[in-house]
Protein backbone atom coordinates (compact mmCIF):
# COMPACT_ATOMS: atom_id res chain seq x y z
CA MET A 1 63.96 -26.99 -29.74
CA SER A 2 64.50 -26.79 -25.77
CA PHE A 3 60.76 -26.42 -25.26
CA GLU A 4 59.77 -29.39 -27.37
CA ARG A 5 62.50 -31.45 -25.87
CA ASN A 6 61.12 -30.31 -22.25
CA VAL A 7 57.55 -31.28 -23.30
CA ALA A 8 58.75 -34.72 -24.94
CA ALA A 9 60.56 -35.26 -21.48
CA MET A 10 57.34 -34.66 -19.55
CA SER A 11 55.16 -37.52 -18.58
CA ARG A 12 51.51 -38.00 -19.74
CA GLU A 13 50.60 -37.42 -16.10
CA GLU A 14 52.44 -34.02 -15.83
CA ILE A 15 50.85 -32.97 -18.95
CA ALA A 16 47.08 -33.60 -18.04
CA THR A 17 47.98 -32.03 -14.53
CA LEU A 18 48.93 -28.82 -16.47
CA LEU A 19 46.17 -28.87 -18.58
CA GLN A 20 43.66 -29.17 -15.85
CA ALA A 21 45.40 -26.32 -13.91
CA HIS A 22 45.25 -24.28 -17.17
CA ASP A 23 41.39 -25.11 -17.30
CA THR A 24 40.98 -24.16 -13.81
CA LEU A 25 42.75 -20.85 -14.16
CA ARG A 26 40.62 -20.10 -17.34
CA ALA A 27 37.36 -20.77 -15.39
CA GLU A 28 38.17 -18.42 -12.64
CA HIS A 29 39.46 -15.67 -15.02
CA ASP A 30 35.98 -16.13 -16.62
CA ALA A 31 34.35 -15.78 -13.38
CA LEU A 32 36.23 -12.77 -12.36
CA LEU A 33 35.57 -11.07 -15.46
CA HIS A 34 31.68 -11.75 -15.22
CA GLN A 35 31.79 -10.49 -11.67
CA HIS A 36 33.87 -7.24 -12.94
CA GLN A 37 31.16 -6.56 -15.33
CA GLU A 38 28.41 -7.01 -12.95
CA LEU A 39 30.11 -4.53 -10.42
CA ARG A 40 30.85 -1.83 -13.26
CA LEU A 41 27.10 -2.06 -14.12
CA SER A 42 26.16 -1.67 -10.36
CA HIS A 43 28.47 1.34 -9.97
CA ASP A 44 26.94 3.10 -13.22
CA GLU A 45 23.59 2.49 -11.73
CA LEU A 46 24.30 3.81 -8.49
CA ALA A 47 26.37 7.05 -9.99
CA ARG A 48 23.34 7.81 -12.02
CA GLN A 49 21.17 7.55 -8.98
CA VAL A 50 23.49 10.00 -7.08
CA GLU A 51 23.37 12.45 -9.84
CA TRP A 52 19.57 12.49 -9.86
CA PHE A 53 19.55 13.08 -6.13
CA LYS A 54 22.10 15.93 -6.66
CA ARG A 55 19.89 17.58 -9.39
CA GLN A 56 16.90 17.30 -7.02
CA ILE A 57 18.70 18.80 -4.03
CA PHE A 58 21.07 21.34 -5.76
CA GLY A 59 19.49 21.58 -9.21
CA SER A 60 18.84 24.74 -11.16
CA LYS A 61 15.43 24.89 -9.42
CA SER A 62 16.86 25.44 -6.00
CA GLU A 63 19.28 28.28 -5.86
CA ARG A 64 20.22 28.16 -2.02
CA ARG A 65 22.74 25.71 -0.82
CA ILE A 66 22.96 25.06 3.08
CA PHE A 67 25.99 23.70 4.51
CA ALA A 68 26.65 22.73 7.90
CA PRO A 69 28.70 25.14 10.42
CA ASN A 70 31.33 22.45 11.08
CA GLY A 71 31.78 21.37 7.48
CA GLU A 72 30.26 17.97 7.83
CA GLN A 73 27.89 16.67 5.27
CA LEU A 74 24.04 17.08 6.17
CA THR A 75 21.52 14.34 6.08
CA LEU A 76 18.01 14.98 4.46
CA GLY A 77 16.54 15.46 7.57
CA ASP A 78 18.90 17.94 8.88
CA LEU A 79 18.99 19.70 5.51
CA LEU A 80 15.23 20.37 5.78
CA ARG A 81 15.44 21.46 9.46
CA ALA A 82 18.27 23.86 8.46
CA GLU A 83 16.47 25.25 5.55
CA THR A 84 13.25 25.88 7.69
CA ALA A 85 15.36 27.42 10.39
CA SER A 86 17.01 29.70 7.80
CA VAL A 87 13.70 30.56 6.19
CA SER A 88 11.91 31.38 9.56
CA GLY A 89 14.37 34.14 10.45
CA PRO A 90 13.85 36.24 13.29
CA GLU A 91 10.57 36.29 15.37
CA ILE A 92 8.41 39.35 15.98
CA GLN A 93 5.39 39.73 18.31
CA VAL A 94 2.09 40.30 16.42
CA PRO A 95 -0.43 42.22 18.46
CA ALA A 96 -3.64 40.41 19.00
CA HIS A 97 -6.83 41.67 17.51
CA ARG A 98 -10.46 41.00 17.87
CA ARG A 99 -12.99 40.02 14.94
CA ARG A 100 -16.74 40.81 15.23
CA THR A 101 -19.01 38.03 14.93
CA ARG A 102 -22.35 38.27 12.96
CA SER A 103 -25.38 39.02 14.82
CA GLY A 104 -27.59 36.34 15.91
CA SER A 105 -25.10 33.48 15.23
CA SER A 106 -23.24 31.64 17.72
CA ALA A 107 -19.69 30.36 17.53
CA GLU A 108 -20.84 26.86 18.14
CA GLU A 109 -23.06 26.63 15.22
CA PRO A 110 -21.53 25.65 11.91
CA SER A 111 -21.53 28.17 8.74
CA GLN A 112 -24.76 28.54 6.87
CA ASP A 113 -22.90 28.99 3.75
CA LEU A 114 -23.69 25.57 2.54
CA ARG A 115 -24.63 25.70 -1.28
CA PHE A 116 -26.68 23.30 -3.10
CA ASP A 117 -29.12 23.13 -6.08
CA PRO A 118 -32.79 22.03 -5.84
CA SER A 119 -31.92 18.63 -6.92
CA VAL A 120 -30.62 17.78 -3.52
CA PRO A 121 -32.99 16.04 -1.04
CA VAL A 122 -33.40 18.02 2.23
CA GLU A 123 -34.48 16.27 5.26
CA GLU A 124 -36.07 18.28 8.02
CA ILE A 125 -35.35 17.35 11.55
CA VAL A 126 -37.25 19.07 14.39
CA VAL A 127 -35.11 19.31 17.56
CA PRO A 128 -37.24 19.12 20.74
CA ASN A 129 -37.08 21.68 23.25
CA PRO A 130 -36.60 20.00 26.62
CA GLU A 131 -37.98 23.18 28.54
CA VAL A 132 -41.15 23.02 26.55
CA THR A 133 -43.51 19.95 27.31
CA ASP A 134 -47.21 19.17 26.71
CA ALA A 135 -47.89 20.36 30.34
CA ASN A 136 -46.40 23.66 30.18
CA ARG A 137 -47.04 24.27 26.26
CA ALA A 138 -49.62 27.13 26.81
CA ASP A 139 -46.83 29.06 28.80
CA PHE A 140 -44.75 29.35 25.63
CA VAL A 141 -45.38 30.93 22.32
CA MET A 142 -43.20 30.41 19.43
CA ILE A 143 -41.78 33.57 17.88
CA GLY A 144 -39.40 32.24 15.33
CA GLU A 145 -36.90 29.25 14.16
CA LYS A 146 -33.22 28.83 13.92
CA VAL A 147 -32.11 26.50 11.09
CA THR A 148 -28.80 24.59 11.10
CA LEU A 149 -27.48 23.06 8.07
CA ARG A 150 -25.35 19.90 7.98
CA LEU A 151 -24.39 17.72 4.97
CA ALA A 152 -24.73 14.11 5.45
CA PRO A 153 -24.16 11.15 3.05
CA ARG A 154 -26.51 8.28 2.11
CA PRO A 155 -25.67 5.14 0.90
CA GLY A 156 -26.35 4.27 -2.78
CA SER A 157 -30.10 3.15 -3.06
CA TYR A 158 -31.90 1.32 -5.64
CA VAL A 159 -35.77 1.17 -6.01
CA VAL A 160 -37.91 -1.44 -7.88
CA LEU A 161 -40.64 0.43 -10.02
CA ARG A 162 -43.77 -1.86 -9.42
CA GLN A 163 -45.92 -1.09 -12.70
CA VAL A 164 -49.29 -2.28 -11.95
CA ARG A 165 -51.93 -2.52 -14.92
CA LYS A 166 -55.37 -3.16 -13.74
CA VAL A 167 -57.13 -5.49 -16.06
CA TYR A 168 -61.31 -4.57 -16.33
CA LYS A 169 -63.92 -6.46 -17.99
CA ARG A 170 -66.70 -4.69 -19.75
CA ILE A 171 -70.22 -5.92 -18.49
CA ALA A 172 -72.02 -5.31 -21.58
CA ASP A 173 -69.96 -7.67 -24.10
CA GLY A 174 -67.54 -9.21 -21.56
CA GLU A 175 -64.32 -7.85 -23.30
CA PHE A 176 -61.24 -7.26 -21.23
CA SER A 177 -59.61 -4.06 -21.03
CA CYS A 178 -55.76 -3.46 -19.97
CA PRO A 179 -53.24 -0.77 -20.89
CA PRO A 180 -49.99 -2.02 -22.58
CA ALA A 181 -46.78 -2.21 -20.65
CA PRO A 182 -44.79 0.98 -20.93
CA PRO A 183 -42.05 0.78 -23.38
CA SER A 184 -38.51 0.00 -22.40
CA VAL A 185 -35.33 0.79 -23.53
CA LEU A 186 -33.76 -2.52 -23.92
CA GLU A 187 -36.36 -5.28 -24.97
CA LYS A 188 -36.86 -7.85 -22.43
CA SER A 189 -34.64 -6.50 -19.79
CA TYR A 190 -35.58 -5.37 -16.35
CA ALA A 191 -33.24 -2.25 -16.57
CA ASP A 192 -34.89 1.16 -16.32
CA VAL A 193 -33.62 4.04 -18.51
CA SER A 194 -32.48 5.80 -15.26
CA LEU A 195 -30.51 2.63 -14.38
CA LEU A 196 -28.82 2.50 -17.88
CA ALA A 197 -27.82 6.27 -17.70
CA GLY A 198 -26.55 5.74 -14.12
CA VAL A 199 -24.19 2.60 -15.02
CA LEU A 200 -22.69 4.51 -17.86
CA ILE A 201 -22.24 7.86 -16.04
CA ASP A 202 -20.54 5.92 -13.30
CA LYS A 203 -18.40 3.87 -15.60
CA PHE A 204 -17.18 6.60 -17.87
CA LEU A 205 -17.47 9.89 -16.23
CA TYR A 206 -16.69 8.81 -12.52
CA HIS A 207 -14.45 5.74 -13.55
CA MET A 208 -15.96 3.21 -11.49
CA PRO A 209 -15.66 -0.29 -12.81
CA LEU A 210 -18.71 -2.57 -13.42
CA TYR A 211 -17.40 -4.95 -10.59
CA ARG A 212 -17.55 -2.15 -8.12
CA GLN A 213 -21.08 -1.22 -9.32
CA HIS A 214 -22.04 -4.81 -8.86
CA GLN A 215 -20.46 -4.87 -5.37
CA ARG A 216 -22.69 -1.97 -4.45
CA MET A 217 -25.77 -3.20 -5.91
CA ARG A 218 -25.14 -6.49 -3.88
CA ALA A 219 -24.69 -4.47 -0.75
CA CYS A 220 -28.06 -2.45 -1.31
CA GLY A 221 -29.91 -5.92 -1.77
CA VAL A 222 -30.18 -6.15 -5.29
CA LYS A 223 -28.89 -9.62 -6.71
CA LEU A 224 -28.02 -8.94 -10.26
CA GLY A 225 -25.62 -10.87 -12.51
CA ARG A 226 -22.23 -9.13 -13.20
CA ALA A 227 -22.36 -10.30 -16.84
CA THR A 228 -25.86 -8.54 -17.01
CA LEU A 229 -24.16 -5.08 -16.25
CA THR A 230 -21.64 -5.69 -19.15
CA ASN A 231 -24.50 -6.57 -21.44
CA TYR A 232 -26.42 -3.46 -20.31
CA VAL A 233 -23.47 -1.34 -21.32
CA HIS A 234 -22.83 -3.16 -24.83
CA ARG A 235 -26.44 -2.69 -25.61
CA THR A 236 -26.75 0.94 -24.51
CA ALA A 237 -23.43 1.96 -26.35
CA GLU A 238 -24.97 0.49 -29.45
CA LEU A 239 -27.94 2.76 -29.04
CA LEU A 240 -25.59 5.56 -28.88
CA GLU A 241 -23.44 4.95 -31.85
CA PRO A 242 -25.70 7.07 -34.13
CA ILE A 243 -24.75 10.09 -31.70
CA TYR A 244 -21.25 9.11 -32.18
CA VAL A 245 -21.38 9.06 -35.98
CA ALA A 246 -23.16 12.38 -36.10
CA GLN A 247 -20.41 13.90 -33.87
CA LEU A 248 -17.62 12.46 -35.80
CA GLU A 249 -19.33 13.58 -39.36
CA SER A 250 -19.65 17.23 -37.64
CA ILE A 251 -16.04 17.19 -36.46
CA LEU A 252 -14.56 16.16 -39.78
CA SER A 253 -16.44 18.68 -41.77
CA SER A 254 -15.11 21.49 -39.68
CA GLN A 255 -12.36 23.76 -41.19
CA VAL A 256 -10.38 23.52 -37.89
CA LEU A 257 -9.77 20.70 -35.83
CA ALA A 258 -8.60 21.16 -32.09
CA MET A 259 -6.95 18.66 -29.97
CA ASP A 260 -6.30 18.64 -26.23
CA GLU A 261 -2.57 17.84 -25.91
CA THR A 262 -1.85 18.84 -22.45
CA PRO A 263 1.62 18.03 -21.48
CA ILE A 264 1.92 15.53 -18.44
CA LYS A 265 5.33 15.13 -16.53
CA ALA A 266 6.35 11.48 -16.36
CA GLY A 267 8.98 10.13 -13.98
CA HIS A 268 12.00 8.17 -14.61
């Protein structure tokens, strides 16, 4: 009853002031509660990261723990240097030795163990001898030659096959004779079979996208539309569909199906 009398004795202005103060305190309480939740989530995330770093440095895969001599904590750089110093151990002097070189070879010449198959083109460059000139060539006789191999790249090149079909006219009856055009893999297309095979190999074997192949063609001077390359890939894939169907039927008719399930380690 005393509380009701006190409320009744208060004026409307005092009641409105108390209600406004209550709303203000309630809003501040909600803001602090929301901030507390955000700080707690941030603390949990940072704690998870610290635990991950501990497992990486002091986990089961690393059995050694390196501590500072004065008891202080080491930084990552100091940890690596201390680990290197502990692994190196005491130094010993190794006696010098000599290695016999091959007969007839010079230390300045590169190794002649370059291996390549006959499909790699070889360009021969004759290095002139400054001591042998046209004036004194009769004073020298060539007794042999030394070959030095160096591997050099060549930019991607394209060639235009200009197929010329000559037209003849028979004198006796005036009839024209001309051989037919060589057959093309894709009808009404300028692409040779070698270009179609190269585009598919670069895209699906060496993972070179079509836009990069288009940029390489433009760099080589070939002005071909990018949509044309996409059309080439689609039409050539349709021609290879019977091979895919035959392989699929052969696989499904087998008694044992083998799959490549190589595990791949993924990060967090």
